[in-house]
Amino acid sequence: MTRVAITATGRFFPERIEPNSYFYEKLGLDTNEEWIRSRTGIHQRCVADTSKGECTASMGAAAAQQCLDRAGLSASDIDAILVGTVTPDMTFPASACLIQEELGADRAFGWDVSAACSGYVFTLAQAYGLIHSGMARRILVIGSETMSSILDYTDRNSCIIFGDGAGATLVEAIDEGGGELIDFCMHTDGAGAGFLRMPGGGALMPASHESVDNREHFVKQDGRTVFKHAVTRICEVTMELLERNGLNSEDVALYVPHQANIRILEACSRKLSVPMDKIMVTVDRWANTTAATIPTTLDLAMEEGRIQKGDYVVFVTFGAGFTWGSTLVRY
């Protein structure tokens, strides 16, 4: 079997940072610091400046370029670019095509994956399969989101949760080094589609005066239902992954979960009997960047020296669809 590993990481966040006070002081929403922090754990979030061309593709390209620079590679060394996103710059072409052009990755094929907050894990699994099949040897796996473009800033329950940003990982066929991808568990349950969605903008509900007036082109969610399912599924898929590989929670050095909100992470910590100091947390500084949360959080973990040679690391996620999954990595 070909050994497939994450060999480099990168991230990009917009310069514009909005604290929680933005929502109650500038937008006049009926909320406050204590309400936001206690329910989400978020202190601030980054917001893209689309008027200056800052968007999903440009952020993804910047994160990818940092990743390439750290690996000592050029864009022409890349075979494929796969992007997890629910906020592509346009319906088509894919953001992967725009990133390929911006990087100058003239040999690379690419496409986008729409799996919401599970986008990075599902995209990473595709890269793993492509390399194992021999169809590619080096792949950029990117999670990039401009969530600010689809938020209803009159809805305090949803608009406070999200931020913008991008994370990238280089995935390679390599004999040694890096974080070896060991196993994946992935699931989907379309019965949950109605609880977290953006109704407008697709073929079922194209843009119209009526759909715009009804604010159908923004994120809609049933927070309580999503919370309950997220905690249950994250815990289940974590245990499924560990049991399949003959491990227990104590064998894992670090958990890198999707950063939905701090309450979900704390609930999973209790349910799995995993101390919070083994769970990487970035939701406080970057909020929920959907498909970008795991690669950006992994990049920070590497920067801070939280992962050492021989460590088992688990990625775990839950998102709209419903979709959920986990990945076992050994460095």
C-alpha atoms as a PDB file:
ATOM      1  CA  MET A   1       0.000   0.000   0.000  1.00  0.00           C
ATOM      2  CA  THR A   2       1.202   3.512  -0.832  1.00  0.00           C
ATOM      3  CA  ARG A   3       1.981   5.589   2.241  1.00  0.00           C
ATOM      4  CA  VAL A   4      -0.031   8.847   2.045  1.00  0.00           C
ATOM      5  CA  ALA A   5       0.826  11.713   4.373  1.00  0.00           C
ATOM      6  CA  ILE A   6       0.193  15.371   5.124  1.00  0.00           C
ATOM      7  CA  THR A   7       3.610  16.947   4.616  1.00  0.00           C
ATOM      8  CA  ALA A   8       2.931  20.690   4.922  1.00  0.00           C
ATOM      9  CA  THR A   9       0.232  23.085   6.099  1.00  0.00           C
ATOM     10  CA  GLY A  10      -0.717  26.723   5.561  1.00  0.00           C
ATOM     11  CA  ARG A  11      -3.435  29.188   6.476  1.00  0.00           C
ATOM     12  CA  PHE A  12      -4.764  32.616   5.553  1.00  0.00           C
ATOM     13  CA  PHE A  13      -7.111  34.975   7.358  1.00  0.00           C
ATOM     14  CA  PRO A  14      -8.334  38.414   6.284  1.00  0.00           C
ATOM     15  CA  GLU A  15      -6.875  41.462   8.029  1.00  0.00           C
ATOM     16  CA  ARG A  16     -10.311  42.733   9.042  1.00  0.00           C
ATOM     17  CA  ILE A  17     -11.184  41.439  12.508  1.00  0.00           C
ATOM     18  CA  GLU A  18     -14.580  42.055  14.076  1.00  0.00           C
ATOM     19  CA  PRO A  19     -15.053  41.572  17.841  1.00  0.00           C
ATOM     20  CA  ASN A  20     -18.395  40.517  19.274  1.00  0.00           C
ATOM     21  CA  SER A  21     -19.226  44.166  19.933  1.00  0.00           C
ATOM     22  CA  TYR A  22     -19.648  44.608  16.160  1.00  0.00           C
ATOM     23  CA  PHE A  23     -23.031  42.905  16.387  1.00  0.00           C
ATOM     24  CA  TYR A  24     -24.545  44.849  19.275  1.00  0.00           C
ATOM     25  CA  GLU A  25     -22.776  48.202  18.899  1.00  0.00           C
ATOM     26  CA  LYS A  26     -22.566  48.626  15.105  1.00  0.00           C
ATOM     27  CA  LEU A  27     -25.436  46.453  13.889  1.00  0.00           C
ATOM     28  CA  GLY A  28     -27.716  47.055  16.872  1.00  0.00           C
ATOM     29  CA  LEU A  29     -28.646  43.397  17.388  1.00  0.00           C
ATOM     30  CA  ASP A  30     -30.299  42.357  20.621  1.00  0.00           C
ATOM     31  CA  THR A  31     -27.270  40.571  22.075  1.00  0.00           C
ATOM     32  CA  ASN A  32     -24.224  41.246  24.256  1.00  0.00           C
ATOM     33  CA  GLU A  33     -20.727  39.973  25.018  1.00  0.00           C
ATOM     34  CA  GLU A  34     -21.780  37.519  27.710  1.00  0.00           C
ATOM     35  CA  TRP A  35     -24.569  36.056  25.553  1.00  0.00           C
ATOM     36  CA  ILE A  36     -22.251  35.423  22.582  1.00  0.00           C
ATOM     37  CA  ARG A  37     -19.280  34.104  24.561  1.00  0.00           C
ATOM     38  CA  SER A  38     -21.305  31.820  26.805  1.00  0.00           C
ATOM     39  CA  ARG A  39     -23.150  30.212  23.889  1.00  0.00           C
ATOM     40  CA  THR A  40     -20.356  30.018  21.329  1.00  0.00           C
ATOM     41  CA  GLY A  41     -16.974  30.669  22.957  1.00  0.00           C
ATOM     42  CA  ILE A  42     -16.258  33.156  20.154  1.00  0.00           C
ATOM     43  CA  HIS A  43     -14.411  36.395  20.926  1.00  0.00           C
ATOM     44  CA  GLN A  44     -13.815  37.609  17.374  1.00  0.00           C
ATOM     45  CA  ARG A  45     -13.846  36.571  13.718  1.00  0.00           C
ATOM     46  CA  CYS A  46     -12.110  37.578  10.465  1.00  0.00           C
ATOM     47  CA  VAL A  47     -14.129  39.055   7.607  1.00  0.00           C
ATOM     48  CA  ALA A  48     -13.087  39.110   3.941  1.00  0.00           C
ATOM     49  CA  ASP A  49     -13.076  42.393   2.007  1.00  0.00           C
ATOM     50  CA  THR A  50     -14.718  41.310  -1.230  1.00  0.00           C
ATOM     51  CA  SER A  51     -14.524  44.894  -2.583  1.00  0.00           C
ATOM     52  CA  LYS A  52     -10.768  44.327  -2.816  1.00  0.00           C
ATOM     53  CA  GLY A  53     -11.119  40.899  -4.387  1.00  0.00           C
ATOM     54  CA  GLU A  54     -10.648  38.987  -1.129  1.00  0.00           C
ATOM     55  CA  CYS A  55     -12.723  35.863  -1.552  1.00  0.00           C
ATOM     56  CA  THR A  56     -12.776  32.082  -1.315  1.00  0.00           C
ATOM     57  CA  ALA A  57     -10.361  31.530  -4.222  1.00  0.00           C
ATOM     58  CA  SER A  58      -7.888  34.253  -3.263  1.00  0.00           C
ATOM     59  CA  MET A  59      -7.776  33.130   0.384  1.00  0.00           C
ATOM     60  CA  GLY A  60      -7.416  29.493  -0.669  1.00  0.00           C
ATOM     61  CA  ALA A  61      -4.578  30.406  -3.022  1.00  0.00           C
ATOM     62  CA  ALA A  62      -2.775  32.348  -0.289  1.00  0.00           C
ATOM     63  CA  ALA A  63      -3.027  29.430   2.158  1.00  0.00           C
ATOM     64  CA  ALA A  64      -1.882  27.025  -0.558  1.00  0.00           C
ATOM     65  CA  GLN A  65       1.094  29.208  -1.481  1.00  0.00           C
ATOM     66  CA  GLN A  66       2.239  29.265   2.144  1.00  0.00           C
ATOM     67  CA  CYS A  67       1.917  25.489   2.187  1.00  0.00           C
ATOM     68  CA  LEU A  68       4.021  25.151  -0.981  1.00  0.00           C
ATOM     69  CA  ASP A  69       6.656  27.557   0.334  1.00  0.00           C
ATOM     70  CA  ARG A  70       7.034  25.522   3.504  1.00  0.00           C
ATOM     71  CA  ALA A  71       7.364  22.327   1.460  1.00  0.00           C
ATOM     72  CA  GLY A  72       9.940  23.891  -0.843  1.00  0.00           C
ATOM     73  CA  LEU A  73       7.820  23.140  -3.909  1.00  0.00           C
ATOM     74  CA  SER A  74       6.493  25.131  -6.831  1.00  0.00           C
ATOM     75  CA  ALA A  75       2.923  25.098  -8.095  1.00  0.00           C
ATOM     76  CA  SER A  76       4.025  23.098 -11.147  1.00  0.00           C
ATOM     77  CA  ASP A  77       4.903  20.208  -8.804  1.00  0.00           C
ATOM     78  CA  ILE A  78       1.226  19.727  -7.900  1.00  0.00           C
ATOM     79  CA  ASP A  79      -0.948  17.092  -9.582  1.00  0.00           C
ATOM     80  CA  ALA A  80      -4.344  18.157  -8.214  1.00  0.00           C
ATOM     81  CA  ILE A  81      -6.130  20.850  -6.222  1.00  0.00           C
ATOM     82  CA  LEU A  82      -9.224  19.824  -4.244  1.00  0.00           C
ATOM     83  CA  VAL A  83     -11.246  22.478  -2.404  1.00  0.00           C
ATOM     84  CA  GLY A  84     -13.854  21.977   0.296  1.00  0.00           C
ATOM     85  CA  THR A  85     -16.246  24.943   0.277  1.00  0.00           C
ATOM     86  CA  VAL A  86     -19.911  25.952   0.405  1.00  0.00           C
ATOM     87  CA  THR A  87     -19.088  29.536  -0.569  1.00  0.00           C
ATOM     88  CA  PRO A  88     -17.433  29.279  -4.005  1.00  0.00           C
ATOM     89  CA  ASP A  89     -16.780  32.590  -5.740  1.00  0.00           C
ATOM     90  CA  MET A  90     -19.433  31.618  -8.287  1.00  0.00           C
ATOM     91  CA  THR A  91     -21.608  28.590  -8.989  1.00  0.00           C
ATOM     92  CA  PHE A  92     -19.149  27.582 -11.692  1.00  0.00           C
ATOM     93  CA  PRO A  93     -16.339  27.312 -12.516  1.00  0.00           C
ATOM     94  CA  ALA A  94     -15.093  25.671  -9.325  1.00  0.00           C
ATOM     95  CA  SER A  95     -12.929  27.618  -6.897  1.00  0.00           C
ATOM     96  CA  ALA A  96     -10.282  24.948  -7.521  1.00  0.00           C
ATOM     97  CA  CYS A  97      -9.985  26.209 -11.115  1.00  0.00           C
ATOM     98  CA  LEU A  98      -9.525  29.808  -9.949  1.00  0.00           C
ATOM     99  CA  ILE A  99      -6.925  28.747  -7.376  1.00  0.00           C
ATOM    100  CA  GLN A 100      -5.093  26.693 -10.013  1.00  0.00           C
ATOM    101  CA  GLU A 101      -4.870  29.769 -12.236  1.00  0.00           C
ATOM    102  CA  GLU A 102      -3.763  32.081  -9.414  1.00  0.00           C
ATOM    103  CA  LEU A 103      -1.044  29.673  -8.289  1.00  0.00           C
ATOM    104  CA  GLY A 104       0.106  28.888 -11.810  1.00  0.00           C
ATOM    105  CA  ALA A 105      -0.340  25.162 -11.168  1.00  0.00           C
ATOM    106  CA  ASP A 106      -0.394  24.339 -14.873  1.00  0.00           C
ATOM    107  CA  ARG A 107      -0.212  20.539 -14.398  1.00  0.00           C
ATOM    108  CA  ALA A 108      -2.984  20.272 -11.813  1.00  0.00           C
ATOM    109  CA  PHE A 109      -6.559  19.132 -12.262  1.00  0.00           C
ATOM    110  CA  GLY A 110      -9.103  20.068  -9.606  1.00  0.00           C
ATOM    111  CA  TRP A 111     -12.635  20.383  -8.331  1.00  0.00           C
ATOM    112  CA  ASP A 112     -14.695  21.565  -5.365  1.00  0.00           C
ATOM    113  CA  VAL A 113     -16.374  19.408  -2.724  1.00  0.00           C
ATOM    114  CA  SER A 114     -19.593  20.593  -1.082  1.00  0.00           C
ATOM    115  CA  ALA A 115     -19.940  18.900   2.301  1.00  0.00           C
ATOM    116  CA  ALA A 116     -20.301  22.023   4.474  1.00  0.00           C
ATOM    117  CA  CYS A 117     -18.352  21.765   7.751  1.00  0.00           C
ATOM    118  CA  SER A 118     -17.278  18.226   6.799  1.00  0.00           C
ATOM    119  CA  GLY A 119     -15.776  19.524   3.570  1.00  0.00           C
ATOM    120  CA  TYR A 120     -12.129  19.219   4.555  1.00  0.00           C
ATOM    121  CA  VAL A 121     -12.352  15.640   5.884  1.00  0.00           C
ATOM    122  CA  PHE A 122     -14.355  14.464   2.855  1.00  0.00           C
ATOM    123  CA  THR A 123     -11.942  16.222   0.470  1.00  0.00           C
ATOM    124  CA  LEU A 124      -8.946  14.761   2.282  1.00  0.00           C
ATOM    125  CA  ALA A 125     -10.429  11.294   1.806  1.00  0.00           C
ATOM    126  CA  GLN A 126     -10.699  11.923  -1.935  1.00  0.00           C
ATOM    127  CA  ALA A 127      -7.038  12.936  -2.064  1.00  0.00           C
ATOM    128  CA  TYR A 128      -6.106   9.770  -0.167  1.00  0.00           C
ATOM    129  CA  GLY A 129      -8.007   7.644  -2.675  1.00  0.00           C
ATOM    130  CA  LEU A 130      -6.528   9.392  -5.713  1.00  0.00           C
ATOM    131  CA  ILE A 131      -2.988   8.885  -4.456  1.00  0.00           C
ATOM    132  CA  HIS A 132      -3.605   5.251  -3.546  1.00  0.00           C
ATOM    133  CA  SER A 133      -5.012   4.628  -7.027  1.00  0.00           C
ATOM    134  CA  GLY A 134      -1.927   6.117  -8.657  1.00  0.00           C
ATOM    135  CA  MET A 135      -3.878   8.907 -10.355  1.00  0.00           C
ATOM    136  CA  ALA A 136      -1.903  11.583  -8.488  1.00  0.00           C
ATOM    137  CA  ARG A 137       1.144  11.872  -6.259  1.00  0.00           C
ATOM    138  CA  ARG A 138       0.939  15.396  -4.795  1.00  0.00           C
ATOM    139  CA  ILE A 139      -2.389  17.067  -3.993  1.00  0.00           C
ATOM    140  CA  LEU A 140      -3.279  20.370  -2.360  1.00  0.00           C
ATOM    141  CA  VAL A 141      -6.307  19.850  -0.106  1.00  0.00           C
ATOM    142  CA  ILE A 142      -7.865  23.199   0.779  1.00  0.00           C
ATOM    143  CA  GLY A 143     -10.765  24.358   2.937  1.00  0.00           C
ATOM    144  CA  SER A 144     -11.743  27.938   2.134  1.00  0.00           C
ATOM    145  CA  GLU A 145     -14.876  29.876   3.035  1.00  0.00           C
ATOM    146  CA  THR A 146     -16.309  33.384   2.739  1.00  0.00           C
ATOM    147  CA  MET A 147     -19.161  32.721   5.140  1.00  0.00           C
ATOM    148  CA  SER A 148     -19.792  36.458   5.623  1.00  0.00           C
ATOM    149  CA  SER A 149     -21.296  36.468   2.111  1.00  0.00           C
ATOM    150  CA  ILE A 150     -24.215  34.198   3.093  1.00  0.00           C
ATOM    151  CA  LEU A 151     -25.053  35.424   6.600  1.00  0.00           C
ATOM    152  CA  ASP A 152     -28.270  37.160   7.621  1.00  0.00           C
ATOM    153  CA  TYR A 153     -27.045  40.036   9.763  1.00  0.00           C
ATOM    154  CA  THR A 154     -30.511  40.466  11.251  1.00  0.00           C
ATOM    155  CA  ASP A 155     -30.422  36.948  12.747  1.00  0.00           C
ATOM    156  CA  ARG A 156     -28.370  37.024  15.948  1.00  0.00           C
ATOM    157  CA  ASN A 157     -28.481  33.247  16.302  1.00  0.00           C
ATOM    158  CA  SER A 158     -26.566  32.551  13.080  1.00  0.00           C
ATOM    159  CA  CYS A 159     -24.555  35.602  12.046  1.00  0.00           C
ATOM    160  CA  ILE A 160     -22.420  35.640  15.220  1.00  0.00           C
ATOM    161  CA  ILE A 161     -21.155  32.107  14.655  1.00  0.00           C
ATOM    162  CA  PHE A 162     -19.177  32.295  11.423  1.00  0.00           C
ATOM    163  CA  GLY A 163     -15.968  33.776  10.080  1.00  0.00           C
ATOM    164  CA  ASP A 164     -13.903  33.783   6.885  1.00  0.00           C
ATOM    165  CA  GLY A 165     -10.563  32.124   6.166  1.00  0.00           C
ATOM    166  CA  ALA A 166      -8.693  29.331   4.439  1.00  0.00           C
ATOM    167  CA  GLY A 167      -6.437  26.422   5.345  1.00  0.00           C
ATOM    168  CA  ALA A 168      -4.353  24.216   3.058  1.00  0.00           C
ATOM    169  CA  THR A 169      -2.518  20.924   3.384  1.00  0.00           C
ATOM    170  CA  LEU A 170      -0.116  19.206   1.025  1.00  0.00           C
ATOM    171  CA  VAL A 171      -0.894  15.490   0.746  1.00  0.00           C
ATOM    172  CA  GLU A 172       1.750  13.267  -0.830  1.00  0.00           C
ATOM    173  CA  ALA A 173       2.832   9.728  -1.533  1.00  0.00           C
ATOM    174  CA  ILE A 174       5.975   9.610   0.609  1.00  0.00           C
ATOM    175  CA  ASP A 175       8.146   6.929   2.204  1.00  0.00           C
ATOM    176  CA  GLU A 176       8.600   8.634   5.581  1.00  0.00           C
ATOM    177  CA  GLY A 177       7.812  11.814   7.494  1.00  0.00           C
ATOM    178  CA  GLY A 178       4.674  13.902   7.760  1.00  0.00           C
ATOM    179  CA  GLY A 179       1.350  12.840   9.164  1.00  0.00           C
ATOM    180  CA  GLU A 180       0.396   9.486   7.658  1.00  0.00           C
ATOM    181  CA  LEU A 181      -3.286   9.135   6.822  1.00  0.00           C
ATOM    182  CA  ILE A 182      -4.338   5.843   8.421  1.00  0.00           C
ATOM    183  CA  ASP A 183      -8.129   5.639   8.206  1.00  0.00           C
ATOM    184  CA  PHE A 184     -11.364   7.525   7.525  1.00  0.00           C
ATOM    185  CA  CYS A 185     -14.947   7.120   8.732  1.00  0.00           C
ATOM    186  CA  MET A 186     -17.592   9.143   6.873  1.00  0.00           C
ATOM    187  CA  HIS A 187     -21.375   9.305   7.072  1.00  0.00           C
ATOM    188  CA  THR A 188     -24.321  11.206   5.593  1.00  0.00           C
ATOM    189  CA  ASP A 189     -27.956  11.480   6.663  1.00  0.00           C
ATOM    190  CA  GLY A 190     -30.061  13.541   4.280  1.00  0.00           C
ATOM    191  CA  ALA A 191     -32.951  13.500   6.756  1.00  0.00           C
ATOM    192  CA  GLY A 192     -31.124  16.327   8.529  1.00  0.00           C
ATOM    193  CA  ALA A 193     -31.046  18.592   5.470  1.00  0.00           C
ATOM    194  CA  GLY A 194     -33.815  20.865   6.691  1.00  0.00           C
ATOM    195  CA  PHE A 195     -32.093  21.761   9.945  1.00  0.00           C
ATOM    196  CA  LEU A 196     -29.053  23.513   8.428  1.00  0.00           C
ATOM    197  CA  ARG A 197     -29.251  24.880   4.900  1.00  0.00           C
ATOM    198  CA  MET A 198     -29.294  27.834   2.518  1.00  0.00           C
ATOM    199  CA  PRO A 199     -32.615  27.466   0.656  1.00  0.00           C
ATOM    200  CA  GLY A 200     -32.081  29.963  -2.171  1.00  0.00           C
ATOM    201  CA  GLY A 201     -29.605  30.152  -5.012  1.00  0.00           C
ATOM    202  CA  GLY A 202     -29.791  26.598  -6.341  1.00  0.00           C
ATOM    203  CA  ALA A 203     -31.859  25.085  -9.145  1.00  0.00           C
ATOM    204  CA  LEU A 204     -34.820  24.519  -6.825  1.00  0.00           C
ATOM    205  CA  MET A 205     -35.020  28.194  -5.850  1.00  0.00           C
ATOM    206  CA  PRO A 206     -33.151  30.470  -8.268  1.00  0.00           C
ATOM    207  CA  ALA A 207     -32.694  34.104  -7.293  1.00  0.00           C
ATOM    208  CA  SER A 208     -35.856  36.184  -7.693  1.00  0.00           C
ATOM    209  CA  HIS A 209     -37.349  39.273  -6.106  1.00  0.00           C
ATOM    210  CA  GLU A 210     -39.438  36.997  -3.906  1.00  0.00           C
ATOM    211  CA  SER A 211     -36.506  34.811  -2.757  1.00  0.00           C
ATOM    212  CA  VAL A 212     -34.365  37.878  -1.997  1.00  0.00           C
ATOM    213  CA  ASP A 213     -37.194  39.644  -0.153  1.00  0.00           C
ATOM    214  CA  ASN A 214     -37.749  36.491   1.920  1.00  0.00           C
ATOM    215  CA  ARG A 215     -34.022  36.331   2.784  1.00  0.00           C
ATOM    216  CA  GLU A 216     -33.724  32.812   1.373  1.00  0.00           C
ATOM    217  CA  HIS A 217     -30.105  33.273   0.274  1.00  0.00           C
ATOM    218  CA  PHE A 218     -28.711  33.159   3.803  1.00  0.00           C
ATOM    219  CA  VAL A 219     -27.790  30.395   6.249  1.00  0.00           C
ATOM    220  CA  LYS A 220     -30.802  28.958   8.107  1.00  0.00           C
ATOM    221  CA  GLN A 221     -30.401  26.618  11.043  1.00  0.00           C
ATOM    222  CA  ASP A 222     -32.249  25.008  13.906  1.00  0.00           C
ATOM    223  CA  GLY A 223     -29.482  25.467  16.466  1.00  0.00           C
ATOM    224  CA  ARG A 224     -30.793  23.111  19.150  1.00  0.00           C
ATOM    225  CA  THR A 225     -31.323  20.216  16.764  1.00  0.00           C
ATOM    226  CA  VAL A 226     -27.935  20.719  15.116  1.00  0.00           C
ATOM    227  CA  PHE A 227     -26.230  20.861  18.530  1.00  0.00           C
ATOM    228  CA  LYS A 228     -27.789  17.587  19.669  1.00  0.00           C
ATOM    229  CA  HIS A 229     -26.898  15.731  16.474  1.00  0.00           C
ATOM    230  CA  ALA A 230     -23.387  17.209  16.360  1.00  0.00           C
ATOM    231  CA  VAL A 231     -22.454  16.005  19.846  1.00  0.00           C
ATOM    232  CA  THR A 232     -23.918  12.531  19.258  1.00  0.00           C
ATOM    233  CA  ARG A 233     -22.371  12.009  15.825  1.00  0.00           C
ATOM    234  CA  ILE A 234     -18.952  13.446  16.679  1.00  0.00           C
ATOM    235  CA  CYS A 235     -18.657  11.103  19.651  1.00  0.00           C
ATOM    236  CA  GLU A 236     -19.923   8.098  17.676  1.00  0.00           C
ATOM    237  CA  VAL A 237     -17.616   8.599  14.712  1.00  0.00           C
ATOM    238  CA  THR A 238     -14.617   9.213  16.962  1.00  0.00           C
ATOM    239  CA  MET A 239     -15.197   5.930  18.780  1.00  0.00           C
ATOM    240  CA  GLU A 240     -15.867   4.121  15.490  1.00  0.00           C
ATOM    241  CA  LEU A 241     -12.495   5.290  14.148  1.00  0.00           C
ATOM    242  CA  LEU A 242     -10.573   4.341  17.286  1.00  0.00           C
ATOM    243  CA  GLU A 243     -12.208   0.923  17.681  1.00  0.00           C
ATOM    244  CA  ARG A 244     -11.568   0.055  14.036  1.00  0.00           C
ATOM    245  CA  ASN A 245      -7.879   0.728  14.606  1.00  0.00           C
ATOM    246  CA  GLY A 246      -7.529  -0.958  18.008  1.00  0.00           C
ATOM    247  CA  LEU A 247      -7.017   2.323  19.881  1.00  0.00           C
ATOM    248  CA  ASN A 248      -8.650   4.106  22.797  1.00  0.00           C
ATOM    249  CA  SER A 249      -8.972   7.800  23.530  1.00  0.00           C
ATOM    250  CA  GLU A 250      -5.844   7.811  25.711  1.00  0.00           C
ATOM    251  CA  ASP A 251      -3.734   6.744  22.717  1.00  0.00           C
ATOM    252  CA  VAL A 252      -4.537   9.988  20.894  1.00  0.00           C
ATOM    253  CA  ALA A 253      -2.173  12.894  21.543  1.00  0.00           C
ATOM    254  CA  LEU A 254      -4.390  15.585  20.029  1.00  0.00           C
ATOM    255  CA  TYR A 255      -7.918  15.955  18.701  1.00  0.00           C
ATOM    256  CA  VAL A 256      -8.422  18.532  15.939  1.00  0.00           C
ATOM    257  CA  PRO A 257     -12.191  18.936  15.692  1.00  0.00           C
ATOM    258  CA  HIS A 258     -14.409  21.153  13.602  1.00  0.00           C
ATOM    259  CA  GLN A 259     -14.794  24.456  15.447  1.00  0.00           C
ATOM    260  CA  ALA A 260     -18.573  24.875  15.566  1.00  0.00           C
ATOM    261  CA  ASN A 261     -18.820  26.319  19.067  1.00  0.00           C
ATOM    262  CA  ILE A 262     -17.205  25.744  22.438  1.00  0.00           C
ATOM    263  CA  ARG A 263     -20.284  24.095  23.948  1.00  0.00           C
ATOM    264  CA  ILE A 264     -20.143  21.266  21.411  1.00  0.00           C
ATOM    265  CA  LEU A 265     -16.433  20.740  22.087  1.00  0.00           C
ATOM    266  CA  GLU A 266     -16.980  20.721  25.852  1.00  0.00           C
ATOM    267  CA  ALA A 267     -19.910  18.310  25.574  1.00  0.00           C
ATOM    268  CA  CYS A 268     -17.834  15.927  23.439  1.00  0.00           C
ATOM    269  CA  SER A 269     -14.952  16.227  25.909  1.00  0.00           C
ATOM    270  CA  ARG A 270     -17.225  15.048  28.722  1.00  0.00           C
ATOM    271  CA  LYS A 271     -18.902  12.304  26.708  1.00  0.00           C
ATOM    272  CA  LEU A 272     -15.606  10.879  25.387  1.00  0.00           C
ATOM    273  CA  SER A 273     -13.743  11.416  28.698  1.00  0.00           C
ATOM    274  CA  VAL A 274     -11.080  13.401  26.834  1.00  0.00           C
ATOM    275  CA  PRO A 275      -9.576  16.364  28.723  1.00  0.00           C
ATOM    276  CA  MET A 276      -9.951  19.738  27.023  1.00  0.00           C
ATOM    277  CA  ASP A 277      -6.167  20.188  26.960  1.00  0.00           C
ATOM    278  CA  LYS A 278      -6.059  17.383  24.350  1.00  0.00           C
ATOM    279  CA  ILE A 279      -8.615  19.163  22.157  1.00  0.00           C
ATOM    280  CA  MET A 280      -7.283  21.930  19.922  1.00  0.00           C
ATOM    281  CA  VAL A 281      -9.517  25.016  20.204  1.00  0.00           C
ATOM    282  CA  THR A 282      -9.484  27.988  17.822  1.00  0.00           C
ATOM    283  CA  VAL A 283     -13.177  28.922  17.724  1.00  0.00           C
ATOM    284  CA  ASP A 284     -12.464  31.795  20.123  1.00  0.00           C
ATOM    285  CA  ARG A 285     -10.205  33.661  17.664  1.00  0.00           C
ATOM    286  CA  TRP A 286     -11.489  32.559  14.220  1.00  0.00           C
ATOM    287  CA  ALA A 287     -15.113  31.477  14.853  1.00  0.00           C
ATOM    288  CA  ASN A 288     -16.653  28.802  12.613  1.00  0.00           C
ATOM    289  CA  THR A 289     -15.002  28.937   9.188  1.00  0.00           C
ATOM    290  CA  THR A 290     -16.859  25.799   8.049  1.00  0.00           C
ATOM    291  CA  ALA A 291     -14.572  23.707   5.776  1.00  0.00           C
ATOM    292  CA  ALA A 292     -11.537  25.785   6.792  1.00  0.00           C
ATOM    293  CA  THR A 293     -11.652  25.045  10.529  1.00  0.00           C
ATOM    294  CA  ILE A 294      -9.704  21.768  10.600  1.00  0.00           C
ATOM    295  CA  PRO A 295      -6.817  22.705   8.257  1.00  0.00           C
ATOM    296  CA  THR A 296      -6.346  26.113   9.909  1.00  0.00           C
ATOM    297  CA  THR A 297      -6.484  24.581  13.386  1.00  0.00           C
ATOM    298  CA  LEU A 298      -4.032  21.864  12.325  1.00  0.00           C
ATOM    299  CA  ASP A 299      -1.680  24.535  10.994  1.00  0.00           C
ATOM    300  CA  LEU A 300      -1.747  26.360  14.333  1.00  0.00           C
ATOM    301  CA  ALA A 301      -1.161  23.080  16.209  1.00  0.00           C
ATOM    302  CA  MET A 302       1.933  22.456  14.092  1.00  0.00           C
ATOM    303  CA  GLU A 303       3.125  26.021  14.656  1.00  0.00           C
ATOM    304  CA  GLU A 304       2.745  25.684  18.411  1.00  0.00           C
ATOM    305  CA  GLY A 305       4.516  22.309  18.565  1.00  0.00           C
ATOM    306  CA  ARG A 306       1.421  20.479  19.796  1.00  0.00           C
ATOM    307  CA  ILE A 307       2.169  17.466  17.567  1.00  0.00           C
ATOM    308  CA  GLN A 308       5.312  15.344  17.891  1.00  0.00           C
ATOM    309  CA  LYS A 309       6.746  12.375  16.005  1.00  0.00           C
ATOM    310  CA  GLY A 310       4.814   9.192  16.768  1.00  0.00           C
ATOM    311  CA  ASP A 311       1.643  11.020  17.865  1.00  0.00           C
ATOM    312  CA  TYR A 312      -1.791   9.858  16.852  1.00  0.00           C
ATOM    313  CA  VAL A 313      -4.025  12.778  15.841  1.00  0.00           C
ATOM    314  CA  VAL A 314      -7.761  12.624  15.157  1.00  0.00           C
ATOM    315  CA  PHE A 315      -9.697  15.011  12.924  1.00  0.00           C
ATOM    316  CA  VAL A 316     -13.454  14.930  13.521  1.00  0.00           C
ATOM    317  CA  THR A 317     -16.293  16.962  12.063  1.00  0.00           C
ATOM    318  CA  PHE A 318     -20.045  17.420  11.693  1.00  0.00           C
ATOM    319  CA  GLY A 319     -21.895  19.622   9.233  1.00  0.00           C
ATOM    320  CA  ALA A 320     -24.928  20.308   7.086  1.00  0.00           C
ATOM    321  CA  GLY A 321     -26.326  17.451   5.104  1.00  0.00           C
ATOM    322  CA  PHE A 322     -26.114  16.053   7.752  1.00  0.00           C
ATOM    323  CA  THR A 323     -22.531  14.945   7.132  1.00  0.00           C
ATOM    324  CA  TRP A 324     -19.947  13.785   9.654  1.00  0.00           C
ATOM    325  CA  GLY A 325     -16.614  12.039   9.658  1.00  0.00           C
ATOM    326  CA  SER A 326     -13.264  11.373  11.277  1.00  0.00           C
ATOM    327  CA  THR A 327      -9.667  10.816  10.185  1.00  0.00           C
ATOM    328  CA  LEU A 328      -6.824   9.043  11.953  1.00  0.00           C
ATOM    329  CA  VAL A 329      -3.348  10.466  11.358  1.00  0.00           C
ATOM    330  CA  ARG A 330       0.005   9.334  12.741  1.00  0.00           C
ATOM    331  CA  TYR A 331       3.019  11.628  12.661  1.00  0.00           C
END
